[in-house]
Amino acid sequence: MTIIKNVNPSPHYNCNCGTWLKHWQKFSPVKTTGCAAANCQTPATLGAHVQLSNSYDEAMYVIPLCEEHGSVTVKLEIAGSYKLVPADRALTCERW
């Protein structure tokens, strides 16, 4: 079980992929259009910046979420099939 929390990236934190949802789709091995929140059947509309909850890992990741789950500040459980994609562009879209 993976628990995440939403974080707000800097407004200047952009991605060469066009949107953060496209960033996740490009670098994730999982191919889906749904929200990653456990038990949510709503389509994802954004690539949310998240961090692992209760972890020493302070890196930011991207995960697809619907508007409702993308705007909450509470901790969320994500479905097991979803993979976190690094938001660090040097590890992903700027690497190529």
Protein backbone atom coordinates (compact mmCIF):
# COMPACT_ATOMS: atom_id res chain seq x y z
CA MET A 1 0.00 0.00 0.00
CA THR A 2 1.39 3.38 -1.02
CA ILE A 3 0.25 6.51 0.80
CA ILE A 4 0.96 9.89 -0.78
CA LYS A 5 0.34 13.54 0.00
CA ASN A 6 -0.19 16.33 -2.52
CA VAL A 7 2.44 19.05 -2.73
CA ASN A 8 2.32 22.32 -4.61
CA PRO A 9 5.24 22.74 -7.02
CA SER A 10 6.69 26.12 -7.80
CA PRO A 11 4.67 27.92 -10.49
CA HIS A 12 7.89 28.02 -12.55
CA TYR A 13 8.30 24.26 -12.35
CA ASN A 14 7.30 23.31 -15.90
CA CYS A 15 7.86 20.22 -17.96
CA ASN A 16 8.97 19.71 -21.57
CA CYS A 17 6.25 17.08 -21.99
CA GLY A 18 3.54 19.75 -22.22
CA THR A 19 1.61 18.80 -19.08
CA TRP A 20 2.48 16.84 -16.00
CA LEU A 21 -0.18 14.27 -16.89
CA LYS A 22 1.58 13.71 -20.23
CA HIS A 23 4.86 13.48 -18.30
CA TRP A 24 3.44 10.65 -16.19
CA GLN A 25 2.00 8.90 -19.24
CA LYS A 26 5.33 9.10 -21.05
CA PHE A 27 7.47 7.70 -18.23
CA SER A 28 5.11 5.30 -16.46
CA PRO A 29 5.03 1.62 -17.35
CA VAL A 30 1.30 1.69 -16.50
CA LYS A 31 -0.95 2.74 -19.36
CA THR A 32 -4.27 4.02 -18.04
CA THR A 33 -6.36 7.17 -17.99
CA GLY A 34 -7.90 6.72 -14.55
CA CYS A 35 -7.31 8.46 -11.24
CA ALA A 36 -4.67 6.70 -9.14
CA ALA A 37 -6.56 7.19 -5.85
CA ALA A 38 -7.66 3.84 -4.49
CA ASN A 39 -11.27 2.96 -5.37
CA CYS A 40 -11.73 6.02 -7.63
CA GLN A 41 -13.23 5.36 -11.05
CA THR A 42 -12.99 8.96 -12.31
CA PRO A 43 -10.70 9.79 -15.27
CA ALA A 44 -7.46 11.56 -14.35
CA THR A 45 -7.36 15.19 -15.43
CA LEU A 46 -3.99 16.21 -14.03
CA GLY A 47 -0.53 14.99 -13.17
CA ALA A 48 -0.33 15.80 -9.48
CA HIS A 49 2.92 16.47 -7.66
CA VAL A 50 3.08 14.22 -4.63
CA GLN A 51 5.48 12.95 -2.00
CA LEU A 52 5.47 9.68 -0.17
CA SER A 53 3.79 10.07 3.19
CA ASN A 54 5.65 8.95 6.33
CA SER A 55 8.91 8.51 4.47
CA TYR A 56 12.40 9.95 4.54
CA ASP A 57 12.19 10.22 0.76
CA GLU A 58 11.54 13.93 0.12
CA ALA A 59 11.58 13.66 -3.68
CA MET A 60 8.59 14.89 -5.67
CA TYR A 61 6.77 12.48 -7.91
CA VAL A 62 3.95 12.75 -10.43
CA ILE A 63 0.81 10.60 -10.33
CA PRO A 64 -2.45 10.94 -12.30
CA LEU A 65 -5.38 12.20 -10.23
CA CYS A 66 -8.88 13.48 -10.88
CA GLU A 67 -9.79 17.08 -9.96
CA GLU A 68 -11.28 16.01 -6.63
CA HIS A 69 -8.27 14.01 -5.45
CA GLY A 70 -5.80 16.46 -6.96
CA SER A 71 -7.12 19.28 -4.78
CA VAL A 72 -7.19 17.54 -1.39
CA THR A 73 -4.53 18.08 1.24
CA VAL A 74 -5.17 14.85 3.13
CA LYS A 75 -3.11 11.71 2.65
CA LEU A 76 -4.30 9.42 -0.14
CA GLU A 77 -3.85 5.73 -0.76
CA ILE A 78 -3.05 4.99 -4.38
CA ALA A 79 -4.04 1.85 -6.22
CA GLY A 80 -1.29 -0.74 -6.28
CA SER A 81 -0.92 -0.84 -10.05
CA TYR A 82 0.09 2.84 -10.31
CA LYS A 83 3.74 3.82 -10.32
CA LEU A 84 5.16 7.11 -9.14
CA VAL A 85 7.16 8.92 -11.83
CA PRO A 86 9.95 11.28 -10.72
CA ALA A 87 9.06 14.95 -11.16
CA ASP A 88 12.79 15.66 -11.44
CA ARG A 89 13.12 16.53 -15.12
CA ALA A 90 16.85 15.74 -15.09
CA LEU A 91 15.89 12.10 -14.46
CA THR A 92 13.16 11.99 -17.09
CA CYS A 93 12.24 14.36 -19.94
CA GLU A 94 15.43 16.45 -19.94
CA ARG A 95 17.57 13.33 -19.90
CA TRP A 96 16.78 12.39 -23.49
